[in-house]
Amino acid sequence: QRHQPYKFIKRFRVVSSGDIDAAQETDGIEATSQYLGDQYPNGLLVVQDGYNRSIDGQKTTQNFKLVVPDF
């Protein structure tokens, strides 16, 4: 929580789903809780993914993962 006593709420991981790989490491993140339209009404977390894997498992260029809060 953002106010005292700053209680821990929960933890999460960015995992693979279908053709999208997980985020194994990151050089940075950015988050907002602002309304960003109907697709992101509770905001968005953007995670820079240090390396990316293609469908056949080969390393490719780094990319970004978008995490949509579900609260």
PDB file of N, CA and C in Angstrom:
ATOM      1  N   GLN A   1       0.832  -1.177   0.000  1.00  0.00           N
ATOM      2  CA  GLN A   1       0.000   0.000   0.000  1.00  0.00           C
ATOM      3  C   GLN A   1       0.874   1.237   0.000  1.00  0.00           C
ATOM      4  N   ARG A   2       0.382   2.309  -0.570  1.00  0.00           N
ATOM      5  CA  ARG A   2       1.169   3.535  -0.675  1.00  0.00           C
ATOM      6  C   ARG A   2       1.171   4.358   0.600  1.00  0.00           C
ATOM      7  N   HIS A   3       0.308   4.030   1.543  1.00  0.00           N
ATOM      8  CA  HIS A   3       0.226   4.794   2.785  1.00  0.00           C
ATOM      9  C   HIS A   3       0.591   3.893   3.960  1.00  0.00           C
ATOM     10  N   GLN A   4       1.077   4.499   5.024  1.00  0.00           N
ATOM     11  CA  GLN A   4       1.466   3.715   6.203  1.00  0.00           C
ATOM     12  C   GLN A   4       0.321   2.845   6.647  1.00  0.00           C
ATOM     13  N   PRO A   5       0.579   1.617   6.979  1.00  0.00           N
ATOM     14  CA  PRO A   5       1.868   1.003   7.308  1.00  0.00           C
ATOM     15  C   PRO A   5       2.566   0.347   6.111  1.00  0.00           C
ATOM     16  N   TYR A   6       2.262   0.712   4.868  1.00  0.00           N
ATOM     17  CA  TYR A   6       2.919   0.212   3.656  1.00  0.00           C
ATOM     18  C   TYR A   6       2.860  -1.316   3.566  1.00  0.00           C
ATOM     19  N   LYS A   7       1.696  -1.844   3.715  1.00  0.00           N
ATOM     20  CA  LYS A   7       1.489  -3.294   3.694  1.00  0.00           C
ATOM     21  C   LYS A   7       1.765  -3.862   2.291  1.00  0.00           C
ATOM     22  N   PHE A   8       2.506  -4.987   2.235  1.00  0.00           N
ATOM     23  CA  PHE A   8       2.774  -5.693   0.979  1.00  0.00           C
ATOM     24  C   PHE A   8       1.459  -6.244   0.434  1.00  0.00           C
ATOM     25  N   ILE A   9       1.215  -6.055  -0.863  1.00  0.00           N
ATOM     26  CA  ILE A   9      -0.054  -6.502  -1.456  1.00  0.00           C
ATOM     27  C   ILE A   9       0.120  -7.831  -2.173  1.00  0.00           C
ATOM     28  N   LYS A  10       0.959  -7.872  -3.195  1.00  0.00           N
ATOM     29  CA  LYS A  10       1.208  -9.133  -3.897  1.00  0.00           C
ATOM     30  C   LYS A  10       2.407  -8.984  -4.807  1.00  0.00           C
ATOM     31  N   ARG A  11       2.888 -10.088  -5.334  1.00  0.00           N
ATOM     32  CA  ARG A  11       4.007 -10.113  -6.260  1.00  0.00           C
ATOM     33  C   ARG A  11       3.534 -10.802  -7.532  1.00  0.00           C
ATOM     34  N   PHE A  12       4.235 -10.554  -8.630  1.00  0.00           N
ATOM     35  CA  PHE A  12       3.867 -11.176  -9.890  1.00  0.00           C
ATOM     36  C   PHE A  12       5.112 -11.401 -10.730  1.00  0.00           C
ATOM     37  N   ARG A  13       4.966 -12.200 -11.769  1.00  0.00           N
ATOM     38  CA  ARG A  13       6.026 -12.453 -12.745  1.00  0.00           C
ATOM     39  C   ARG A  13       5.469 -12.232 -14.140  1.00  0.00           C
ATOM     40  N   VAL A  14       6.336 -11.826 -15.038  1.00  0.00           N
ATOM     41  CA  VAL A  14       5.973 -11.729 -16.449  1.00  0.00           C
ATOM     42  C   VAL A  14       6.385 -13.056 -17.071  1.00  0.00           C
ATOM     43  N   VAL A  15       5.406 -13.925 -17.348  1.00  0.00           N
ATOM     44  CA  VAL A  15       5.668 -15.272 -17.847  1.00  0.00           C
ATOM     45  C   VAL A  15       5.312 -15.383 -19.326  1.00  0.00           C
ATOM     46  N   SER A  16       5.761 -16.452 -19.942  1.00  0.00           N
ATOM     47  CA  SER A  16       5.461 -16.664 -21.358  1.00  0.00           C
ATOM     48  C   SER A  16       3.993 -17.032 -21.550  1.00  0.00           C
ATOM     49  N   SER A  17       3.494 -16.704 -22.729  1.00  0.00           N
ATOM     50  CA  SER A  17       2.111 -17.015 -23.077  1.00  0.00           C
ATOM     51  C   SER A  17       2.026 -17.153 -24.595  1.00  0.00           C
ATOM     52  N   GLY A  18       1.734 -18.349 -25.055  1.00  0.00           N
ATOM     53  CA  GLY A  18       1.644 -18.574 -26.502  1.00  0.00           C
ATOM     54  C   GLY A  18       2.975 -18.318 -27.175  1.00  0.00           C
ATOM     55  N   ASP A  19       2.996 -17.404 -28.144  1.00  0.00           N
ATOM     56  CA  ASP A  19       4.209 -17.083 -28.889  1.00  0.00           C
ATOM     57  C   ASP A  19       5.061 -15.998 -28.212  1.00  0.00           C
ATOM     58  N   ILE A  20       4.627 -15.507 -27.057  1.00  0.00           N
ATOM     59  CA  ILE A  20       5.344 -14.427 -26.367  1.00  0.00           C
ATOM     60  C   ILE A  20       6.151 -15.023 -25.219  1.00  0.00           C
ATOM     61  N   ASP A  21       7.465 -14.720 -25.198  1.00  0.00           N
ATOM     62  CA  ASP A  21       8.305 -15.258 -24.130  1.00  0.00           C
ATOM     63  C   ASP A  21       8.179 -14.399 -22.871  1.00  0.00           C
ATOM     64  N   ALA A  22       8.751 -14.902 -21.780  1.00  0.00           N
ATOM     65  CA  ALA A  22       8.725 -14.205 -20.502  1.00  0.00           C
ATOM     66  C   ALA A  22       9.742 -13.064 -20.496  1.00  0.00           C
ATOM     67  N   ALA A  23       9.741 -12.289 -19.425  1.00  0.00           N
ATOM     68  CA  ALA A  23      10.768 -11.265 -19.211  1.00  0.00           C
ATOM     69  C   ALA A  23      11.752 -11.820 -18.192  1.00  0.00           C
ATOM     70  N   GLN A  24      12.939 -12.186 -18.656  1.00  0.00           N
ATOM     71  CA  GLN A  24      13.925 -12.801 -17.784  1.00  0.00           C
ATOM     72  C   GLN A  24      14.742 -11.764 -17.005  1.00  0.00           C
ATOM     73  N   GLU A  25      14.943 -10.611 -17.582  1.00  0.00           N
ATOM     74  CA  GLU A  25      15.672  -9.527 -16.936  1.00  0.00           C
ATOM     75  C   GLU A  25      15.175  -8.218 -17.516  1.00  0.00           C
ATOM     76  N   THR A  26      15.446  -7.128 -16.824  1.00  0.00           N
ATOM     77  CA  THR A  26      14.986  -5.834 -17.328  1.00  0.00           C
ATOM     78  C   THR A  26      15.978  -4.741 -16.968  1.00  0.00           C
ATOM     79  N   ASP A  27      16.094  -3.770 -17.847  1.00  0.00           N
ATOM     80  CA  ASP A  27      16.900  -2.586 -17.582  1.00  0.00           C
ATOM     81  C   ASP A  27      16.023  -1.432 -17.120  1.00  0.00           C
ATOM     82  N   GLY A  28      14.715  -1.631 -17.140  1.00  0.00           N
ATOM     83  CA  GLY A  28      13.838  -0.560 -16.702  1.00  0.00           C
ATOM     84  C   GLY A  28      12.376  -0.904 -16.836  1.00  0.00           C
ATOM     85  N   ILE A  29      11.577  -0.203 -16.053  1.00  0.00           N
ATOM     86  CA  ILE A  29      10.121  -0.351 -16.093  1.00  0.00           C
ATOM     87  C   ILE A  29       9.498   1.032 -16.002  1.00  0.00           C
ATOM     88  N   GLU A  30       8.259   1.109 -16.420  1.00  0.00           N
ATOM     89  CA  GLU A  30       7.485   2.341 -16.276  1.00  0.00           C
ATOM     90  C   GLU A  30       6.049   1.924 -16.001  1.00  0.00           C
ATOM     91  N   ALA A  31       5.390   2.636 -15.106  1.00  0.00           N
ATOM     92  CA  ALA A  31       4.025   2.277 -14.736  1.00  0.00           C
ATOM     93  C   ALA A  31       3.167   3.517 -14.567  1.00  0.00           C
ATOM     94  N   THR A  32       1.874   3.340 -14.833  1.00  0.00           N
ATOM     95  CA  THR A  32       0.899   4.389 -14.548  1.00  0.00           C
ATOM     96  C   THR A  32      -0.404   3.716 -14.126  1.00  0.00           C
ATOM     97  N   SER A  33      -1.118   4.364 -13.245  1.00  0.00           N
ATOM     98  CA  SER A  33      -2.445   3.881 -12.857  1.00  0.00           C
ATOM     99  C   SER A  33      -3.535   4.741 -13.487  1.00  0.00           C
ATOM    100  N   GLN A  34      -3.158   5.612 -14.399  1.00  0.00           N
ATOM    101  CA  GLN A  34      -4.110   6.490 -15.081  1.00  0.00           C
ATOM    102  C   GLN A  34      -4.943   5.705 -16.102  1.00  0.00           C
ATOM    103  N   TYR A  35      -6.131   6.148 -16.331  1.00  0.00           N
ATOM    104  CA  TYR A  35      -6.997   5.583 -17.364  1.00  0.00           C
ATOM    105  C   TYR A  35      -6.355   5.834 -18.723  1.00  0.00           C
ATOM    106  N   LEU A  36      -6.126   4.772 -19.483  1.00  0.00           N
ATOM    107  CA  LEU A  36      -5.518   4.878 -20.815  1.00  0.00           C
ATOM    108  C   LEU A  36      -6.467   4.357 -21.888  1.00  0.00           C
ATOM    109  N   GLY A  37      -7.721   4.641 -21.736  1.00  0.00           N
ATOM    110  CA  GLY A  37      -8.713   4.183 -22.696  1.00  0.00           C
ATOM    111  C   GLY A  37      -9.314   2.852 -22.281  1.00  0.00           C
ATOM    112  N   ASP A  38     -10.240   2.373 -23.084  1.00  0.00           N
ATOM    113  CA  ASP A  38     -10.963   1.142 -22.746  1.00  0.00           C
ATOM    114  C   ASP A  38     -10.065  -0.082 -22.663  1.00  0.00           C
ATOM    115  N   GLN A  39      -8.957  -0.098 -23.408  1.00  0.00           N
ATOM    116  CA  GLN A  39      -8.077  -1.260 -23.395  1.00  0.00           C
ATOM    117  C   GLN A  39      -7.248  -1.334 -22.104  1.00  0.00           C
ATOM    118  N   TYR A  40      -6.945  -0.176 -21.500  1.00  0.00           N
ATOM    119  CA  TYR A  40      -6.143  -0.123 -20.272  1.00  0.00           C
ATOM    120  C   TYR A  40      -6.805   0.803 -19.247  1.00  0.00           C
ATOM    121  N   PRO A  41      -7.991   0.446 -18.761  1.00  0.00           N
ATOM    122  CA  PRO A  41      -8.714   1.351 -17.858  1.00  0.00           C
ATOM    123  C   PRO A  41      -8.033   1.536 -16.500  1.00  0.00           C
ATOM    124  N   ASN A  42      -7.248   0.567 -16.054  1.00  0.00           N
ATOM    125  CA  ASN A  42      -6.560   0.662 -14.762  1.00  0.00           C
ATOM    126  C   ASN A  42      -5.088   1.016 -14.907  1.00  0.00           C
ATOM    127  N   GLY A  43      -4.676   1.445 -16.094  1.00  0.00           N
ATOM    128  CA  GLY A  43      -3.283   1.803 -16.321  1.00  0.00           C
ATOM    129  C   GLY A  43      -2.517   0.679 -16.986  1.00  0.00           C
ATOM    130  N   LEU A  44      -1.174   0.768 -16.887  1.00  0.00           N
ATOM    131  CA  LEU A  44      -0.323  -0.160 -17.623  1.00  0.00           C
ATOM    132  C   LEU A  44       1.074  -0.172 -17.004  1.00  0.00           C
ATOM    133  N   LEU A  45       1.711  -1.333 -17.027  1.00  0.00           N
ATOM    134  CA  LEU A  45       3.109  -1.480 -16.644  1.00  0.00           C
ATOM    135  C   LEU A  45       3.867  -1.913 -17.890  1.00  0.00           C
ATOM    136  N   VAL A  46       4.934  -1.197 -18.245  1.00  0.00           N
ATOM    137  CA  VAL A  46       5.766  -1.544 -19.396  1.00  0.00           C
ATOM    138  C   VAL A  46       7.104  -2.028 -18.864  1.00  0.00           C
ATOM    139  N   VAL A  47       7.504  -3.244 -19.274  1.00  0.00           N
ATOM    140  CA  VAL A  47       8.740  -3.861 -18.805  1.00  0.00           C
ATOM    141  C   VAL A  47       9.669  -4.039 -20.003  1.00  0.00           C
ATOM    142  N   GLN A  48      10.856  -3.459 -19.934  1.00  0.00           N
ATOM    143  CA  GLN A  48      11.862  -3.683 -20.976  1.00  0.00           C
ATOM    144  C   GLN A  48      12.425  -5.072 -20.751  1.00  0.00           C
ATOM    145  N   ASP A  49      12.396  -5.916 -21.775  1.00  0.00           N
ATOM    146  CA  ASP A  49      12.879  -7.299 -21.696  1.00  0.00           C
ATOM    147  C   ASP A  49      14.307  -7.341 -22.229  1.00  0.00           C
ATOM    148  N   GLY A  50      15.254  -7.732 -21.390  1.00  0.00           N
ATOM    149  CA  GLY A  50      16.668  -7.719 -21.747  1.00  0.00           C
ATOM    150  C   GLY A  50      17.024  -8.545 -22.960  1.00  0.00           C
ATOM    151  N   TYR A  51      16.362  -9.665 -23.158  1.00  0.00           N
ATOM    152  CA  TYR A  51      16.539 -10.430 -24.380  1.00  0.00           C
ATOM    153  C   TYR A  51      15.244 -11.124 -24.725  1.00  0.00           C
ATOM    154  N   ASN A  52      15.095 -11.460 -25.965  1.00  0.00           N
ATOM    155  CA  ASN A  52      13.852 -12.014 -26.475  1.00  0.00           C
ATOM    156  C   ASN A  52      14.143 -13.342 -27.154  1.00  0.00           C
ATOM    157  N   ARG A  53      13.206 -14.242 -27.136  1.00  0.00           N
ATOM    158  CA  ARG A  53      13.339 -15.530 -27.827  1.00  0.00           C
ATOM    159  C   ARG A  53      12.240 -15.641 -28.871  1.00  0.00           C
ATOM    160  N   SER A  54      12.629 -16.099 -30.050  1.00  0.00           N
ATOM    161  CA  SER A  54      11.653 -16.313 -31.122  1.00  0.00           C
ATOM    162  C   SER A  54      10.906 -17.616 -30.872  1.00  0.00           C
ATOM    163  N   ILE A  55       9.932 -17.897 -31.703  1.00  0.00           N
ATOM    164  CA  ILE A  55       9.133 -19.121 -31.565  1.00  0.00           C
ATOM    165  C   ILE A  55      10.010 -20.364 -31.592  1.00  0.00           C
ATOM    166  N   ASP A  56      11.081 -20.352 -32.408  1.00  0.00           N
ATOM    167  CA  ASP A  56      11.958 -21.533 -32.495  1.00  0.00           C
ATOM    168  C   ASP A  56      13.065 -21.519 -31.435  1.00  0.00           C
ATOM    169  N   GLY A  57      12.989 -20.579 -30.464  1.00  0.00           N
ATOM    170  CA  GLY A  57      13.925 -20.579 -29.350  1.00  0.00           C
ATOM    171  C   GLY A  57      15.202 -19.786 -29.553  1.00  0.00           C
ATOM    172  N   GLN A  58      15.352 -19.129 -30.686  1.00  0.00           N
ATOM    173  CA  GLN A  58      16.556 -18.347 -30.957  1.00  0.00           C
ATOM    174  C   GLN A  58      16.463 -16.973 -30.291  1.00  0.00           C
ATOM    175  N   LYS A  59      17.618 -16.469 -29.822  1.00  0.00           N
ATOM    176  CA  LYS A  59      17.644 -15.120 -29.257  1.00  0.00           C
ATOM    177  C   LYS A  59      17.433 -14.104 -30.372  1.00  0.00           C
ATOM    178  N   THR A  60      16.608 -13.099 -30.097  1.00  0.00           N
ATOM    179  CA  THR A  60      16.369 -12.009 -31.039  1.00  0.00           C
ATOM    180  C   THR A  60      16.534 -10.692 -30.291  1.00  0.00           C
ATOM    181  N   THR A  61      16.214  -9.588 -30.936  1.00  0.00           N
ATOM    182  CA  THR A  61      16.386  -8.279 -30.306  1.00  0.00           C
ATOM    183  C   THR A  61      15.489  -8.131 -29.081  1.00  0.00           C
ATOM    184  N   GLN A  62      15.922  -7.274 -28.175  1.00  0.00           N
ATOM    185  CA  GLN A  62      15.118  -7.027 -26.984  1.00  0.00           C
ATOM    186  C   GLN A  62      13.816  -6.337 -27.356  1.00  0.00           C
ATOM    187  N   ASN A  63      12.847  -6.415 -26.458  1.00  0.00           N
ATOM    188  CA  ASN A  63      11.560  -5.806 -26.724  1.00  0.00           C
ATOM    189  C   ASN A  63      10.921  -5.353 -25.412  1.00  0.00           C
ATOM    190  N   PHE A  64       9.649  -5.032 -25.452  1.00  0.00           N
ATOM    191  CA  PHE A  64       8.923  -4.575 -24.282  1.00  0.00           C
ATOM    192  C   PHE A  64       7.713  -5.472 -24.047  1.00  0.00           C
ATOM    193  N   LYS A  65       7.417  -5.717 -22.793  1.00  0.00           N
ATOM    194  CA  LYS A  65       6.235  -6.476 -22.404  1.00  0.00           C
ATOM    195  C   LYS A  65       5.255  -5.505 -21.755  1.00  0.00           C
ATOM    196  N   LEU A  66       3.991  -5.608 -22.107  1.00  0.00           N
ATOM    197  CA  LEU A  66       2.941  -4.782 -21.512  1.00  0.00           C
ATOM    198  C   LEU A  66       2.169  -5.623 -20.511  1.00  0.00           C
ATOM    199  N   VAL A  67       2.090  -5.150 -19.282  1.00  0.00           N
ATOM    200  CA  VAL A  67       1.396  -5.868 -18.212  1.00  0.00           C
ATOM    201  C   VAL A  67       0.167  -5.061 -17.836  1.00  0.00           C
ATOM    202  N   VAL A  68      -1.003  -5.679 -17.946  1.00  0.00           N
ATOM    203  CA  VAL A  68      -2.263  -5.005 -17.671  1.00  0.00           C
ATOM    204  C   VAL A  68      -2.748  -5.415 -16.280  1.00  0.00           C
ATOM    205  N   PRO A  69      -2.910  -4.449 -15.361  1.00  0.00           N
ATOM    206  CA  PRO A  69      -3.394  -4.794 -14.014  1.00  0.00           C
ATOM    207  C   PRO A  69      -4.803  -5.359 -14.076  1.00  0.00           C
ATOM    208  N   ASP A  70      -5.072  -6.339 -13.223  1.00  0.00           N
ATOM    209  CA  ASP A  70      -6.390  -6.985 -13.230  1.00  0.00           C
ATOM    210  C   ASP A  70      -7.137  -6.758 -11.923  1.00  0.00           C
ATOM    211  N   PHE A  71      -6.893  -5.644 -11.267  1.00  0.00           N
ATOM    212  CA  PHE A  71      -7.581  -5.376  -9.999  1.00  0.00           C
ATOM    213  C   PHE A  71      -8.826  -4.562 -10.209  1.00  0.00           C
TER     214      PHE A  71
END
